């Protein structure tokens, strides 16, 4: 079944529209306003033309400096690029399994694989717990909201991404849709959609581990998303702020007025 949220790019993975989702009070997120994705490092000229025609104005890059330097973004000339690292290093491990980085560093098939966590699932739960508390993450998502608020002109689109477009990007989408008043199940469904749209890529990356069941399961957990990862974040949010909306307001410092402005910009 074709996924209507996926953008038709030649070399882009996990490029998805957030338009069309409904809020609890019956409004709808506008199309051609905000998109989420994985790395932009290998986009073709066709892809750049597509994004130009789509109205791309802002590119928010949540990756670490190391990831960004190894695989710089390719964006149309007129696009405003913003380096906005959530972590100092890639705690998600996504860059170990990114074809685009392997293209930039041919020996990367071997390099770094020795230190893959033996329990990828627990590693990811811990990463989400850390993300909720880290000052670097709070700062990055505050800058993200500043740009969301700046994206207030018609016919312009903001894109936010990391390497795999699932964890740092996934949390960005959670924060954004929470601010707009989208219900939790819709937010979770969008978060889990990564598993559907990257299934073929993940299966291909898992091939070298088919004879090692423990490593296979660990790598699969690192490359996918799980309700357990968001649940781990949920628990930390409740400890720190009581609720996601309170977390946005007290930890990322998004004000009531800014939430009202976001709704004017992104909802119809």
C-alpha atoms as a PDB file:
ATOM      1  CA  UNK A   1       0.000   0.000   0.000  1.00  0.00           C
ATOM      2  CA  UNK A   2       1.357   3.405  -0.974  1.00  0.00           C
ATOM      3  CA  UNK A   3       2.011   5.776   1.926  1.00  0.00           C
ATOM      4  CA  UNK A   4       0.538   9.155   0.967  1.00  0.00           C
ATOM      5  CA  UNK A   5       2.723  11.007   3.458  1.00  0.00           C
ATOM      6  CA  UNK A   6       5.971   9.984   1.783  1.00  0.00           C
ATOM      7  CA  UNK A   7       7.548  12.553  -0.540  1.00  0.00           C
ATOM      8  CA  UNK A   8       8.520  11.272  -3.968  1.00  0.00           C
ATOM      9  CA  UNK A   9      12.302  11.683  -3.782  1.00  0.00           C
ATOM     10  CA  UNK A  10      14.965   9.638  -5.562  1.00  0.00           C
ATOM     11  CA  UNK A  11      17.534   9.510  -2.762  1.00  0.00           C
ATOM     12  CA  UNK A  12      15.689  10.669   0.329  1.00  0.00           C
ATOM     13  CA  UNK A  13      14.628   8.252   3.069  1.00  0.00           C
ATOM     14  CA  UNK A  14      11.766   8.747   5.514  1.00  0.00           C
ATOM     15  CA  UNK A  15      10.727  12.135   4.022  1.00  0.00           C
ATOM     16  CA  UNK A  16       7.195  12.686   5.334  1.00  0.00           C
ATOM     17  CA  UNK A  17       4.493  15.331   5.467  1.00  0.00           C
ATOM     18  CA  UNK A  18       2.985  16.284   8.814  1.00  0.00           C
ATOM     19  CA  UNK A  19       0.089  18.009   7.080  1.00  0.00           C
ATOM     20  CA  UNK A  20      -3.401  16.531   7.424  1.00  0.00           C
ATOM     21  CA  UNK A  21      -3.227  15.413  11.049  1.00  0.00           C
ATOM     22  CA  UNK A  22      -6.183  16.595  13.106  1.00  0.00           C
ATOM     23  CA  UNK A  23      -6.086  18.225  16.518  1.00  0.00           C
ATOM     24  CA  UNK A  24      -8.368  17.334  19.407  1.00  0.00           C
ATOM     25  CA  UNK A  25     -10.442  20.473  18.759  1.00  0.00           C
ATOM     26  CA  UNK A  26     -11.054  19.603  15.086  1.00  0.00           C
ATOM     27  CA  UNK A  27      -8.444  21.721  13.290  1.00  0.00           C
ATOM     28  CA  UNK A  28      -6.017  20.249  10.746  1.00  0.00           C
ATOM     29  CA  UNK A  29      -2.267  20.753  10.215  1.00  0.00           C
ATOM     30  CA  UNK A  30      -1.671  22.503   6.887  1.00  0.00           C
ATOM     31  CA  UNK A  31       0.038  20.650   4.046  1.00  0.00           C
ATOM     32  CA  UNK A  32       3.196  22.136   2.488  1.00  0.00           C
ATOM     33  CA  UNK A  33       4.171  23.690   5.807  1.00  0.00           C
ATOM     34  CA  UNK A  34       6.291  21.185   7.737  1.00  0.00           C
ATOM     35  CA  UNK A  35       8.074  17.927   6.835  1.00  0.00           C
ATOM     36  CA  UNK A  36      10.349  15.476   8.666  1.00  0.00           C
ATOM     37  CA  UNK A  37      13.094  13.304   7.215  1.00  0.00           C
ATOM     38  CA  UNK A  38      16.301  11.322   7.521  1.00  0.00           C
ATOM     39  CA  UNK A  39      19.661  12.591   6.182  1.00  0.00           C
ATOM     40  CA  UNK A  40      19.811  14.973   3.215  1.00  0.00           C
ATOM     41  CA  UNK A  41      23.376  14.014   2.312  1.00  0.00           C
ATOM     42  CA  UNK A  42      22.728  12.115  -0.917  1.00  0.00           C
ATOM     43  CA  UNK A  43      19.831  14.044  -2.440  1.00  0.00           C
ATOM     44  CA  UNK A  44      19.932  14.200  -6.238  1.00  0.00           C
ATOM     45  CA  UNK A  45      19.468  17.315  -8.386  1.00  0.00           C
ATOM     46  CA  UNK A  46      15.956  16.037  -9.084  1.00  0.00           C
ATOM     47  CA  UNK A  47      15.329  15.919  -5.323  1.00  0.00           C
ATOM     48  CA  UNK A  48      16.606  19.467  -4.853  1.00  0.00           C
ATOM     49  CA  UNK A  49      14.302  20.683  -7.618  1.00  0.00           C
ATOM     50  CA  UNK A  50      11.420  18.793  -6.020  1.00  0.00           C
ATOM     51  CA  UNK A  51      12.073  20.468  -2.652  1.00  0.00           C
ATOM     52  CA  UNK A  52      12.375  23.873  -4.304  1.00  0.00           C
ATOM     53  CA  UNK A  53       9.006  23.383  -5.973  1.00  0.00           C
ATOM     54  CA  UNK A  54       7.602  22.109  -2.677  1.00  0.00           C
ATOM     55  CA  UNK A  55       8.449  25.449  -1.053  1.00  0.00           C
ATOM     56  CA  UNK A  56      11.330  24.421   1.216  1.00  0.00           C
ATOM     57  CA  UNK A  57      12.598  27.439   3.161  1.00  0.00           C
ATOM     58  CA  UNK A  58      14.198  26.090   6.364  1.00  0.00           C
ATOM     59  CA  UNK A  59      16.366  22.997   7.031  1.00  0.00           C
ATOM     60  CA  UNK A  60      16.808  22.168  10.740  1.00  0.00           C
ATOM     61  CA  UNK A  61      19.599  19.604  11.279  1.00  0.00           C
ATOM     62  CA  UNK A  62      19.432  17.807  14.653  1.00  0.00           C
ATOM     63  CA  UNK A  63      22.569  15.687  14.036  1.00  0.00           C
ATOM     64  CA  UNK A  64      25.834  15.871  15.965  1.00  0.00           C
ATOM     65  CA  UNK A  65      28.834  17.750  14.574  1.00  0.00           C
ATOM     66  CA  UNK A  66      30.537  14.479  13.620  1.00  0.00           C
ATOM     67  CA  UNK A  67      27.541  13.265  11.626  1.00  0.00           C
ATOM     68  CA  UNK A  68      27.098  16.650   9.988  1.00  0.00           C
ATOM     69  CA  UNK A  69      30.749  16.919   8.933  1.00  0.00           C
ATOM     70  CA  UNK A  70      30.881  13.399   7.486  1.00  0.00           C
ATOM     71  CA  UNK A  71      27.683  13.816   5.462  1.00  0.00           C
ATOM     72  CA  UNK A  72      26.819  17.493   4.873  1.00  0.00           C
ATOM     73  CA  UNK A  73      23.250  18.302   3.884  1.00  0.00           C
ATOM     74  CA  UNK A  74      22.409  18.958   0.247  1.00  0.00           C
ATOM     75  CA  UNK A  75      19.736  21.631  -0.001  1.00  0.00           C
ATOM     76  CA  UNK A  76      18.632  24.149  -2.634  1.00  0.00           C
ATOM     77  CA  UNK A  77      20.659  27.389  -2.555  1.00  0.00           C
ATOM     78  CA  UNK A  78      17.848  29.565  -1.232  1.00  0.00           C
ATOM     79  CA  UNK A  79      17.167  27.327   1.793  1.00  0.00           C
ATOM     80  CA  UNK A  80      18.233  28.559   5.221  1.00  0.00           C
ATOM     81  CA  UNK A  81      20.272  25.803   6.896  1.00  0.00           C
ATOM     82  CA  UNK A  82      20.436  25.633  10.691  1.00  0.00           C
ATOM     83  CA  UNK A  83      22.796  23.270  12.530  1.00  0.00           C
ATOM     84  CA  UNK A  84      20.932  22.437  15.747  1.00  0.00           C
ATOM     85  CA  UNK A  85      22.489  19.386  17.494  1.00  0.00           C
ATOM     86  CA  UNK A  86      20.326  17.568  20.037  1.00  0.00           C
ATOM     87  CA  UNK A  87      23.278  15.491  21.321  1.00  0.00           C
ATOM     88  CA  UNK A  88      27.006  16.156  21.404  1.00  0.00           C
ATOM     89  CA  UNK A  89      27.480  12.693  19.841  1.00  0.00           C
ATOM     90  CA  UNK A  90      25.028  10.338  18.143  1.00  0.00           C
ATOM     91  CA  UNK A  91      23.582   8.458  21.129  1.00  0.00           C
ATOM     92  CA  UNK A  92      21.007   6.809  18.858  1.00  0.00           C
ATOM     93  CA  UNK A  93      23.727   4.841  16.958  1.00  0.00           C
ATOM     94  CA  UNK A  94      21.840   5.636  13.727  1.00  0.00           C
ATOM     95  CA  UNK A  95      24.959   6.801  11.910  1.00  0.00           C
ATOM     96  CA  UNK A  96      26.483   3.312  12.180  1.00  0.00           C
ATOM     97  CA  UNK A  97      23.811   1.996   9.819  1.00  0.00           C
ATOM     98  CA  UNK A  98      23.415   4.917   7.441  1.00  0.00           C
ATOM     99  CA  UNK A  99      24.119   4.169   3.788  1.00  0.00           C
ATOM    100  CA  UNK A 100      24.855   7.828   3.153  1.00  0.00           C
ATOM    101  CA  UNK A 101      27.641   7.890   5.703  1.00  0.00           C
ATOM    102  CA  UNK A 102      29.017   4.603   4.352  1.00  0.00           C
ATOM    103  CA  UNK A 103      29.191   6.251   0.954  1.00  0.00           C
ATOM    104  CA  UNK A 104      31.216   9.070   2.471  1.00  0.00           C
ATOM    105  CA  UNK A 105      33.470   6.699   4.440  1.00  0.00           C
ATOM    106  CA  UNK A 106      33.833   3.420   2.487  1.00  0.00           C
ATOM    107  CA  UNK A 107      35.332   1.444   5.384  1.00  0.00           C
ATOM    108  CA  UNK A 108      32.368   2.270   7.621  1.00  0.00           C
ATOM    109  CA  UNK A 109      30.869  -1.179   7.032  1.00  0.00           C
ATOM    110  CA  UNK A 110      33.404  -2.455   9.552  1.00  0.00           C
ATOM    111  CA  UNK A 111      34.397   0.605  11.533  1.00  0.00           C
ATOM    112  CA  UNK A 112      32.373   1.085  14.698  1.00  0.00           C
ATOM    113  CA  UNK A 113      30.457  -2.177  14.570  1.00  0.00           C
ATOM    114  CA  UNK A 114      32.487  -3.675  17.414  1.00  0.00           C
ATOM    115  CA  UNK A 115      30.889  -1.277  19.884  1.00  0.00           C
ATOM    116  CA  UNK A 116      27.261  -1.847  18.900  1.00  0.00           C
ATOM    117  CA  UNK A 117      25.318  -2.242  22.171  1.00  0.00           C
ATOM    118  CA  UNK A 118      24.480  -5.840  23.023  1.00  0.00           C
ATOM    119  CA  UNK A 119      20.974  -4.748  24.003  1.00  0.00           C
ATOM    120  CA  UNK A 120      19.822  -2.235  21.407  1.00  0.00           C
ATOM    121  CA  UNK A 121      16.335  -2.001  22.903  1.00  0.00           C
ATOM    122  CA  UNK A 122      17.604  -0.932  26.329  1.00  0.00           C
ATOM    123  CA  UNK A 123      20.148   1.394  24.708  1.00  0.00           C
ATOM    124  CA  UNK A 124      17.337   3.199  22.889  1.00  0.00           C
ATOM    125  CA  UNK A 125      15.166   3.448  26.013  1.00  0.00           C
ATOM    126  CA  UNK A 126      18.113   4.990  27.846  1.00  0.00           C
ATOM    127  CA  UNK A 127      18.736   7.396  24.947  1.00  0.00           C
ATOM    128  CA  UNK A 128      15.151   8.644  25.137  1.00  0.00           C
ATOM    129  CA  UNK A 129      15.442   9.055  28.923  1.00  0.00           C
ATOM    130  CA  UNK A 130      18.607  11.101  28.475  1.00  0.00           C
ATOM    131  CA  UNK A 131      17.054  13.224  25.741  1.00  0.00           C
ATOM    132  CA  UNK A 132      14.363  14.440  28.145  1.00  0.00           C
ATOM    133  CA  UNK A 133      16.916  15.641  30.705  1.00  0.00           C
ATOM    134  CA  UNK A 134      19.881  16.834  28.614  1.00  0.00           C
ATOM    135  CA  UNK A 135      20.410  20.594  28.436  1.00  0.00           C
ATOM    136  CA  UNK A 136      21.692  20.220  24.857  1.00  0.00           C
ATOM    137  CA  UNK A 137      18.379  18.642  23.825  1.00  0.00           C
ATOM    138  CA  UNK A 138      16.278  21.306  25.561  1.00  0.00           C
ATOM    139  CA  UNK A 139      18.336  24.022  23.875  1.00  0.00           C
ATOM    140  CA  UNK A 140      18.053  22.368  20.440  1.00  0.00           C
ATOM    141  CA  UNK A 141      14.290  21.974  20.654  1.00  0.00           C
ATOM    142  CA  UNK A 142      13.911  25.569  21.871  1.00  0.00           C
ATOM    143  CA  UNK A 143      15.763  26.716  18.735  1.00  0.00           C
ATOM    144  CA  UNK A 144      13.494  24.393  16.723  1.00  0.00           C
ATOM    145  CA  UNK A 145      10.447  26.174  18.136  1.00  0.00           C
ATOM    146  CA  UNK A 146      11.991  29.560  17.329  1.00  0.00           C
ATOM    147  CA  UNK A 147      12.225  28.507  13.683  1.00  0.00           C
ATOM    148  CA  UNK A 148       8.736  26.997  13.725  1.00  0.00           C
ATOM    149  CA  UNK A 149       7.479  30.421  14.798  1.00  0.00           C
ATOM    150  CA  UNK A 150       9.559  32.160  12.138  1.00  0.00           C
ATOM    151  CA  UNK A 151       8.016  29.979   9.410  1.00  0.00           C
ATOM    152  CA  UNK A 152       4.954  32.219   9.274  1.00  0.00           C
ATOM    153  CA  UNK A 153       4.726  33.123   5.595  1.00  0.00           C
ATOM    154  CA  UNK A 154       2.471  31.383   3.087  1.00  0.00           C
ATOM    155  CA  UNK A 155       4.044  28.952   0.594  1.00  0.00           C
ATOM    156  CA  UNK A 156       7.123  28.171   2.661  1.00  0.00           C
ATOM    157  CA  UNK A 157       8.040  24.852   4.260  1.00  0.00           C
ATOM    158  CA  UNK A 158      10.218  23.908   7.247  1.00  0.00           C
ATOM    159  CA  UNK A 159      12.050  20.563   7.259  1.00  0.00           C
ATOM    160  CA  UNK A 160      13.634  19.001  10.356  1.00  0.00           C
ATOM    161  CA  UNK A 161      15.789  15.886  10.347  1.00  0.00           C
ATOM    162  CA  UNK A 162      18.564  13.781  11.876  1.00  0.00           C
ATOM    163  CA  UNK A 163      20.399  10.775  10.396  1.00  0.00           C
ATOM    164  CA  UNK A 164      17.629   8.153  10.380  1.00  0.00           C
ATOM    165  CA  UNK A 165      14.733  10.563  10.863  1.00  0.00           C
ATOM    166  CA  UNK A 166      13.292   8.509  13.719  1.00  0.00           C
ATOM    167  CA  UNK A 167      14.533   9.470  17.211  1.00  0.00           C
ATOM    168  CA  UNK A 168      15.691  13.090  17.434  1.00  0.00           C
ATOM    169  CA  UNK A 169      13.332  13.870  14.553  1.00  0.00           C
ATOM    170  CA  UNK A 170      10.610  11.697  16.090  1.00  0.00           C
ATOM    171  CA  UNK A 171      10.817  13.636  19.337  1.00  0.00           C
ATOM    172  CA  UNK A 172      10.711  16.911  17.421  1.00  0.00           C
ATOM    173  CA  UNK A 173       7.447  15.770  15.839  1.00  0.00           C
ATOM    174  CA  UNK A 174       6.092  14.733  19.247  1.00  0.00           C
ATOM    175  CA  UNK A 175       6.870  18.155  20.715  1.00  0.00           C
ATOM    176  CA  UNK A 176       5.457  19.995  17.695  1.00  0.00           C
ATOM    177  CA  UNK A 177       2.199  18.054  17.513  1.00  0.00           C
ATOM    178  CA  UNK A 178       1.767  18.185  21.289  1.00  0.00           C
ATOM    179  CA  UNK A 179       1.966  21.987  21.126  1.00  0.00           C
ATOM    180  CA  UNK A 180      -0.725  22.036  18.434  1.00  0.00           C
ATOM    181  CA  UNK A 181      -3.070  19.803  20.427  1.00  0.00           C
ATOM    182  CA  UNK A 182      -2.890  16.608  18.355  1.00  0.00           C
ATOM    183  CA  UNK A 183      -4.100  13.560  20.308  1.00  0.00           C
ATOM    184  CA  UNK A 184      -1.589  11.086  21.687  1.00  0.00           C
ATOM    185  CA  UNK A 185      -2.623   8.116  19.512  1.00  0.00           C
ATOM    186  CA  UNK A 186      -2.131  10.142  16.317  1.00  0.00           C
ATOM    187  CA  UNK A 187       1.270  11.272  17.565  1.00  0.00           C
ATOM    188  CA  UNK A 188       2.233   7.667  18.357  1.00  0.00           C
ATOM    189  CA  UNK A 189       1.023   6.449  14.957  1.00  0.00           C
ATOM    190  CA  UNK A 190       3.150   9.059  13.180  1.00  0.00           C
ATOM    191  CA  UNK A 191       6.151   8.117  15.316  1.00  0.00           C
ATOM    192  CA  UNK A 192       5.754   4.400  14.510  1.00  0.00           C
ATOM    193  CA  UNK A 193       5.287   5.062  10.779  1.00  0.00           C
ATOM    194  CA  UNK A 194       9.090   5.070  10.472  1.00  0.00           C
ATOM    195  CA  UNK A 195       9.044   1.262  10.796  1.00  0.00           C
ATOM    196  CA  UNK A 196       6.658   0.964   7.849  1.00  0.00           C
ATOM    197  CA  UNK A 197       8.447   3.343   5.486  1.00  0.00           C
ATOM    198  CA  UNK A 198      12.011   2.143   6.237  1.00  0.00           C
ATOM    199  CA  UNK A 199      11.228  -1.595   6.353  1.00  0.00           C
ATOM    200  CA  UNK A 200      13.151  -2.493   3.162  1.00  0.00           C
ATOM    201  CA  UNK A 201      16.171  -0.411   4.175  1.00  0.00           C
ATOM    202  CA  UNK A 202      16.286  -1.982   7.647  1.00  0.00           C
ATOM    203  CA  UNK A 203      16.024  -5.518   6.268  1.00  0.00           C
ATOM    204  CA  UNK A 204      18.899  -4.822   3.894  1.00  0.00           C
ATOM    205  CA  UNK A 205      21.074  -3.450   6.721  1.00  0.00           C
ATOM    206  CA  UNK A 206      20.304  -6.500   8.884  1.00  0.00           C
ATOM    207  CA  UNK A 207      21.607  -9.013   6.332  1.00  0.00           C
ATOM    208  CA  UNK A 208      25.164  -9.201   7.760  1.00  0.00           C
ATOM    209  CA  UNK A 209      23.736 -10.188  11.166  1.00  0.00           C
ATOM    210  CA  UNK A 210      21.423 -13.042  10.125  1.00  0.00           C
ATOM    211  CA  UNK A 211      23.753 -15.690  11.610  1.00  0.00           C
ATOM    212  CA  UNK A 212      23.991 -13.907  14.959  1.00  0.00           C
ATOM    213  CA  UNK A 213      20.492 -13.774  16.507  1.00  0.00           C
ATOM    214  CA  UNK A 214      21.487 -11.638  19.509  1.00  0.00           C
ATOM    215  CA  UNK A 215      23.266  -9.051  17.384  1.00  0.00           C
ATOM    216  CA  UNK A 216      20.447  -9.162  14.816  1.00  0.00           C
ATOM    217  CA  UNK A 217      17.851  -8.303  17.465  1.00  0.00           C
ATOM    218  CA  UNK A 218      20.032  -5.588  18.952  1.00  0.00           C
ATOM    219  CA  UNK A 219      20.711  -3.904  15.613  1.00  0.00           C
ATOM    220  CA  UNK A 220      17.043  -4.167  14.634  1.00  0.00           C
ATOM    221  CA  UNK A 221      16.088  -2.406  17.877  1.00  0.00           C
ATOM    222  CA  UNK A 222      18.584   0.360  17.104  1.00  0.00           C
ATOM    223  CA  UNK A 223      17.255   0.822  13.570  1.00  0.00           C
ATOM    224  CA  UNK A 224      13.567   0.864  14.378  1.00  0.00           C
ATOM    225  CA  UNK A 225      11.280   2.770  16.707  1.00  0.00           C
ATOM    226  CA  UNK A 226       9.197   1.198  19.459  1.00  0.00           C
ATOM    227  CA  UNK A 227       6.337   2.309  21.705  1.00  0.00           C
ATOM    228  CA  UNK A 228       8.694   1.386  24.554  1.00  0.00           C
ATOM    229  CA  UNK A 229      11.084   4.188  23.567  1.00  0.00           C
ATOM    230  CA  UNK A 230       8.382   6.829  23.782  1.00  0.00           C
ATOM    231  CA  UNK A 231       7.123   5.224  26.989  1.00  0.00           C
ATOM    232  CA  UNK A 232      10.606   5.687  28.482  1.00  0.00           C
ATOM    233  CA  UNK A 233      10.450   9.363  27.512  1.00  0.00           C
ATOM    234  CA  UNK A 234       6.899   9.573  28.919  1.00  0.00           C
ATOM    235  CA  UNK A 235       8.081   8.395  32.315  1.00  0.00           C
ATOM    236  CA  UNK A 236      10.838  11.011  32.455  1.00  0.00           C
ATOM    237  CA  UNK A 237       8.510  13.784  31.265  1.00  0.00           C
ATOM    238  CA  UNK A 238       6.039  12.896  34.022  1.00  0.00           C
ATOM    239  CA  UNK A 239       8.837  12.987  36.635  1.00  0.00           C
ATOM    240  CA  UNK A 240      10.186  16.316  35.416  1.00  0.00           C
ATOM    241  CA  UNK A 241       7.023  18.217  34.495  1.00  0.00           C
ATOM    242  CA  UNK A 242       3.900  16.118  35.042  1.00  0.00           C
ATOM    243  CA  UNK A 243       2.760  16.232  31.407  1.00  0.00           C
ATOM    244  CA  UNK A 244       4.114  16.817  27.902  1.00  0.00           C
ATOM    245  CA  UNK A 245       2.519  20.245  27.570  1.00  0.00           C
ATOM    246  CA  UNK A 246       3.958  21.285  30.946  1.00  0.00           C
ATOM    247  CA  UNK A 247       7.344  19.978  29.836  1.00  0.00           C
ATOM    248  CA  UNK A 248       7.156  22.149  26.731  1.00  0.00           C
ATOM    249  CA  UNK A 249       6.317  25.171  28.833  1.00  0.00           C
ATOM    250  CA  UNK A 250       8.691  24.675  31.772  1.00  0.00           C
ATOM    251  CA  UNK A 251      11.693  22.951  30.137  1.00  0.00           C
ATOM    252  CA  UNK A 252      11.668  24.150  26.518  1.00  0.00           C
ATOM    253  CA  UNK A 253      10.153  27.498  27.586  1.00  0.00           C
ATOM    254  CA  UNK A 254       7.355  27.562  24.993  1.00  0.00           C
ATOM    255  CA  UNK A 255       4.874  30.186  26.192  1.00  0.00           C
ATOM    256  CA  UNK A 256       1.079  30.208  25.932  1.00  0.00           C
ATOM    257  CA  UNK A 257       1.344  33.024  23.387  1.00  0.00           C
ATOM    258  CA  UNK A 258       3.831  31.037  21.291  1.00  0.00           C
ATOM    259  CA  UNK A 259       1.507  28.020  21.323  1.00  0.00           C
ATOM    260  CA  UNK A 260      -1.318  30.279  20.134  1.00  0.00           C
ATOM    261  CA  UNK A 261       0.955  31.658  17.384  1.00  0.00           C
ATOM    262  CA  UNK A 262       1.975  28.146  16.301  1.00  0.00           C
ATOM    263  CA  UNK A 263      -1.674  27.203  15.947  1.00  0.00           C
ATOM    264  CA  UNK A 264      -2.284  30.260  13.746  1.00  0.00           C
ATOM    265  CA  UNK A 265       0.699  29.376  11.532  1.00  0.00           C
ATOM    266  CA  UNK A 266       0.211  25.607  11.168  1.00  0.00           C
ATOM    267  CA  UNK A 267      -3.503  24.890  11.616  1.00  0.00           C
ATOM    268  CA  UNK A 268      -6.520  25.449   9.426  1.00  0.00           C
END
